[in-house]
Amino acid sequence: MLSQKQRGRPQISHNVRVTPEFRDNPDLDKLGRALIAVAMRIAEQKQAEEDAKHAQDIQPEIEEGNMT
């Protein structure tokens, strides 16, 4: 049986080092597609935020018009 200090999840984590692996001939086609996909996703998120903000701005005007 484990001692009281060794049971369960450790309270501290061990340091982990990540070493990037550089390639002599990177696949530029895949890299380009990945960067374009990221840019498109960011643009879609910004557009969705702007649309939501625009919809919130229009909603009070519509409600005010119905009350008169």
Protein backbone atom coordinates (compact mmCIF):
# COMPACT_ATOMS: atom_id res chain seq x y z
CA MET A 1 0.00 0.00 0.00
CA LEU A 2 1.21 3.52 -0.81
CA SER A 3 1.99 5.98 1.92
CA GLN A 4 -0.34 8.88 2.61
CA LYS A 5 1.85 11.29 0.58
CA GLN A 6 1.91 9.11 -2.54
CA ARG A 7 -1.79 8.41 -2.85
CA GLY A 8 -4.03 10.25 -5.31
CA ARG A 9 -3.09 12.99 -7.71
CA PRO A 10 0.24 14.73 -7.07
CA GLN A 11 -0.08 18.30 -5.83
CA ILE A 12 2.73 19.53 -8.06
CA SER A 13 3.38 18.85 -11.70
CA HIS A 14 6.68 17.93 -13.21
CA ASN A 15 8.35 20.37 -15.57
CA VAL A 16 7.89 19.35 -19.17
CA ARG A 17 9.98 20.64 -22.03
CA VAL A 18 8.69 20.69 -25.56
CA THR A 19 11.34 20.78 -28.23
CA PRO A 20 10.18 21.76 -31.70
CA GLU A 21 11.36 19.53 -34.50
CA PHE A 22 12.59 21.58 -37.43
CA ARG A 23 12.40 20.09 -40.89
CA ASP A 24 14.71 20.72 -43.80
CA ASN A 25 11.84 20.81 -46.30
CA PRO A 26 8.60 21.98 -44.65
CA ASP A 27 5.40 21.27 -46.55
CA LEU A 28 4.51 24.82 -47.58
CA ASP A 29 1.21 23.75 -49.12
CA LYS A 30 -0.06 22.31 -45.81
CA LEU A 31 1.29 25.27 -43.87
CA GLY A 32 -0.42 27.71 -46.23
CA ARG A 33 -3.74 25.88 -45.99
CA ALA A 34 -3.51 25.83 -42.20
CA LEU A 35 -2.80 29.57 -42.02
CA ILE A 36 -5.66 30.35 -44.40
CA ALA A 37 -8.02 28.18 -42.32
CA VAL A 38 -7.00 30.01 -39.14
CA ALA A 39 -7.48 33.40 -40.80
CA MET A 40 -10.91 32.40 -42.10
CA ARG A 41 -11.98 31.15 -38.67
CA ILE A 42 -10.88 34.39 -37.02
CA ALA A 43 -12.76 36.39 -39.67
CA GLU A 44 -15.91 34.30 -39.13
CA GLN A 45 -15.72 34.83 -35.37
CA LYS A 46 -15.32 38.59 -35.81
CA GLN A 47 -18.23 38.67 -38.25
CA ALA A 48 -20.43 36.71 -35.84
CA GLU A 49 -19.56 39.12 -33.02
CA GLU A 50 -20.36 42.13 -35.22
CA ASP A 51 -23.65 40.56 -36.33
CA ALA A 52 -24.62 39.86 -32.72
CA LYS A 53 -23.76 43.42 -31.73
CA HIS A 54 -25.71 44.79 -34.69
CA ALA A 55 -28.72 42.63 -33.83
CA GLN A 56 -28.68 43.92 -30.25
CA ASP A 57 -28.60 47.51 -31.51
CA ILE A 58 -31.61 46.94 -33.78
CA GLN A 59 -33.72 45.02 -31.23
CA PRO A 60 -34.44 47.98 -28.87
CA GLU A 61 -35.49 50.15 -31.83
CA ILE A 62 -38.02 47.54 -32.95
CA GLU A 63 -39.45 47.20 -29.44
CA GLU A 64 -39.78 50.97 -29.07
CA GLY A 65 -41.66 51.16 -32.39
CA ASN A 66 -44.22 48.59 -31.26
CA MET A 67 -45.13 50.52 -28.13
CA THR A 68 -46.40 53.62 -29.95
